[in-house]
Structure formats: C-alpha cells, structure tokens
Amino acid sequence: MALKFKQHDNTFLIEGSINSNTVKQFKNHLEFLMLYTKALIINLDTVESIDLNGTKVLKELYLKSLTINKKFSIIGQGSKDILNDFENINVV
C-alpha cells in the first residue's frame, strides 16, 4: 500500500506503513518537503508500522536538516521510540 501524506498547517500527517516497499516514496517526498518548507514537522500518529529502512531515512533527513539549518520535528505516537533510536547519533 502506498503512503499518504496530508498537510495540516505546517504539519504533514503520514498514513500507511513505512517499509522496504514504501521507503523510496517516503524519502523522496520528505526531501521535497524539506526543500520547499520553512520547517518540516511530520506526524506519525497514523503510521501503522515503520521498519529499520524507515528509521534510517528519518535519521538521514534529521542529519541533513542540521547541515542546512532547517527545523525538523517528528511528533505523534511512536515518535518517542524513534527518538530513543536517535540518541546514538553523533552531531559534529
């Protein structure tokens, strides 16, 4: 099943599962949004599941946001588990 992205103000709600079948669409869409928004806030409330591929993309985009000085936030249920996974990122 393809992912759905819905915009509400400055927040983008993602619906579906983020896995090896959808991760390319996920990454491409978020990279586009990162380029054309002042801040990227994604809500994971309606994400059914996210695998290691999806988590890896979120880490990559987070690091990219730091290099281009762009606000990048992850909110919603399950975001705490993802943020715990981010604790091992070294920022220089």
C-alpha atoms as a PDB file:
ATOM      1  CA  MET A   1       0.000   0.000   0.000  1.00  0.00           C
ATOM      2  CA  ALA A   2       1.297   3.438  -0.907  1.00  0.00           C
ATOM      3  CA  LEU A   3       1.856   6.062   1.739  1.00  0.00           C
ATOM      4  CA  LYS A   4      -0.434   9.060   2.010  1.00  0.00           C
ATOM      5  CA  PHE A   5       0.757  12.495   3.041  1.00  0.00           C
ATOM      6  CA  LYS A   6      -1.786  15.010   4.335  1.00  0.00           C
ATOM      7  CA  GLN A   7      -0.902  18.580   5.183  1.00  0.00           C
ATOM      8  CA  HIS A   8      -2.489  20.432   8.073  1.00  0.00           C
ATOM      9  CA  ASP A   9      -0.945  23.873   8.542  1.00  0.00           C
ATOM     10  CA  ASN A  10       2.814  23.204   8.816  1.00  0.00           C
ATOM     11  CA  THR A  11       2.441  19.565   9.848  1.00  0.00           C
ATOM     12  CA  PHE A  12       2.435  16.587   7.494  1.00  0.00           C
ATOM     13  CA  LEU A  13       0.470  13.539   8.615  1.00  0.00           C
ATOM     14  CA  ILE A  14       1.760  10.275   7.186  1.00  0.00           C
ATOM     15  CA  GLU A  15      -0.621   7.344   6.709  1.00  0.00           C
ATOM     16  CA  GLY A  16       0.382   3.754   5.993  1.00  0.00           C
ATOM     17  CA  SER A  17       3.380   1.543   6.650  1.00  0.00           C
ATOM     18  CA  ILE A  18       6.953   2.686   6.136  1.00  0.00           C
ATOM     19  CA  ASN A  19       8.941  -0.324   4.986  1.00  0.00           C
ATOM     20  CA  SER A  20      11.203  -1.526   2.179  1.00  0.00           C
ATOM     21  CA  ASN A  21       8.301  -1.236  -0.291  1.00  0.00           C
ATOM     22  CA  THR A  22       7.450   2.384   0.552  1.00  0.00           C
ATOM     23  CA  VAL A  23      10.720   3.835   1.843  1.00  0.00           C
ATOM     24  CA  LYS A  24      11.763   5.317  -1.533  1.00  0.00           C
ATOM     25  CA  GLN A  25       8.477   7.233  -1.827  1.00  0.00           C
ATOM     26  CA  PHE A  26       8.792   8.279   1.824  1.00  0.00           C
ATOM     27  CA  LYS A  27      12.329   9.604   1.390  1.00  0.00           C
ATOM     28  CA  ASN A  28      11.662  11.382  -1.900  1.00  0.00           C
ATOM     29  CA  HIS A  29       8.556  13.118  -0.588  1.00  0.00           C
ATOM     30  CA  LEU A  30      10.195  14.264   2.643  1.00  0.00           C
ATOM     31  CA  GLU A  31      13.283  15.532   0.806  1.00  0.00           C
ATOM     32  CA  PHE A  32      10.995  17.565  -1.452  1.00  0.00           C
ATOM     33  CA  LEU A  33       9.103  18.955   1.547  1.00  0.00           C
ATOM     34  CA  MET A  34      12.364  19.801   3.291  1.00  0.00           C
ATOM     35  CA  LEU A  35      13.441  21.902   0.331  1.00  0.00           C
ATOM     36  CA  TYR A  36      10.196  23.835  -0.025  1.00  0.00           C
ATOM     37  CA  THR A  37       9.042  24.425   3.553  1.00  0.00           C
ATOM     38  CA  LYS A  38      10.395  26.648   6.295  1.00  0.00           C
ATOM     39  CA  ALA A  39      10.199  23.793   8.793  1.00  0.00           C
ATOM     40  CA  LEU A  40       9.341  20.135   8.378  1.00  0.00           C
ATOM     41  CA  ILE A  41       7.077  18.647  11.023  1.00  0.00           C
ATOM     42  CA  ILE A  42       5.880  15.105  10.439  1.00  0.00           C
ATOM     43  CA  ASN A  43       3.172  13.401  12.455  1.00  0.00           C
ATOM     44  CA  LEU A  44       3.385   9.614  12.792  1.00  0.00           C
ATOM     45  CA  ASP A  45       0.016   9.094  14.526  1.00  0.00           C
ATOM     46  CA  THR A  46      -1.419   7.162  11.578  1.00  0.00           C
ATOM     47  CA  VAL A  47       1.714   5.217  10.653  1.00  0.00           C
ATOM     48  CA  GLU A  48       0.814   1.558  11.042  1.00  0.00           C
ATOM     49  CA  SER A  49       4.438   0.399  11.245  1.00  0.00           C
ATOM     50  CA  ILE A  50       7.950   1.566  10.496  1.00  0.00           C
ATOM     51  CA  ASP A  51      10.887  -0.739   9.854  1.00  0.00           C
ATOM     52  CA  LEU A  52      14.634  -0.147  10.009  1.00  0.00           C
ATOM     53  CA  ASN A  53      14.614   1.287   6.469  1.00  0.00           C
ATOM     54  CA  GLY A  54      12.163   3.996   7.530  1.00  0.00           C
ATOM     55  CA  THR A  55      14.075   4.768  10.708  1.00  0.00           C
ATOM     56  CA  LYS A  56      17.280   5.064   8.689  1.00  0.00           C
ATOM     57  CA  VAL A  57      15.651   7.590   6.348  1.00  0.00           C
ATOM     58  CA  LEU A  58      14.431   9.654   9.303  1.00  0.00           C
ATOM     59  CA  LYS A  59      17.972   9.715  10.718  1.00  0.00           C
ATOM     60  CA  GLU A  60      19.398  10.762   7.340  1.00  0.00           C
ATOM     61  CA  LEU A  61      16.856  13.565   6.992  1.00  0.00           C
ATOM     62  CA  TYR A  62      17.466  14.708  10.547  1.00  0.00           C
ATOM     63  CA  LEU A  63      21.206  14.967   9.901  1.00  0.00           C
ATOM     64  CA  LYS A  64      20.536  16.769   6.606  1.00  0.00           C
ATOM     65  CA  SER A  65      18.269  19.241   8.397  1.00  0.00           C
ATOM     66  CA  LEU A  66      21.133  20.078  10.751  1.00  0.00           C
ATOM     67  CA  THR A  67      23.513  20.784   7.873  1.00  0.00           C
ATOM     68  CA  ILE A  68      21.053  23.086   6.090  1.00  0.00           C
ATOM     69  CA  ASN A  69      19.800  24.678   9.330  1.00  0.00           C
ATOM     70  CA  LYS A  70      16.199  23.536   8.817  1.00  0.00           C
ATOM     71  CA  LYS A  71      13.828  22.723  11.662  1.00  0.00           C
ATOM     72  CA  PHE A  72      12.827  19.042  11.521  1.00  0.00           C
ATOM     73  CA  SER A  73      10.396  17.570  14.049  1.00  0.00           C
ATOM     74  CA  ILE A  74       8.775  14.179  14.483  1.00  0.00           C
ATOM     75  CA  ILE A  75       5.575  14.082  16.523  1.00  0.00           C
ATOM     76  CA  GLY A  76       2.824  11.607  17.288  1.00  0.00           C
ATOM     77  CA  GLN A  77       2.504   8.211  18.871  1.00  0.00           C
ATOM     78  CA  GLY A  78       5.571   6.107  18.342  1.00  0.00           C
ATOM     79  CA  SER A  79       7.806   9.125  17.887  1.00  0.00           C
ATOM     80  CA  LYS A  80       9.304   8.519  21.341  1.00  0.00           C
ATOM     81  CA  ASP A  81      10.593   5.104  20.209  1.00  0.00           C
ATOM     82  CA  ILE A  82      12.140   6.682  17.132  1.00  0.00           C
ATOM     83  CA  LEU A  83      13.697   9.499  19.147  1.00  0.00           C
ATOM     84  CA  ASN A  84      15.231   6.964  21.514  1.00  0.00           C
ATOM     85  CA  ASP A  85      16.856   5.396  18.465  1.00  0.00           C
ATOM     86  CA  PHE A  86      18.290   8.830  17.556  1.00  0.00           C
ATOM     87  CA  GLU A  87      20.197   9.094  20.832  1.00  0.00           C
ATOM     88  CA  ASN A  88      23.134   7.277  19.263  1.00  0.00           C
ATOM     89  CA  ILE A  89      23.656   9.914  16.570  1.00  0.00           C
ATOM     90  CA  ASN A  90      26.836  11.938  16.968  1.00  0.00           C
ATOM     91  CA  VAL A  91      26.429  15.519  15.852  1.00  0.00           C
ATOM     92  CA  VAL A  92      29.554  17.497  14.966  1.00  0.00           C
END
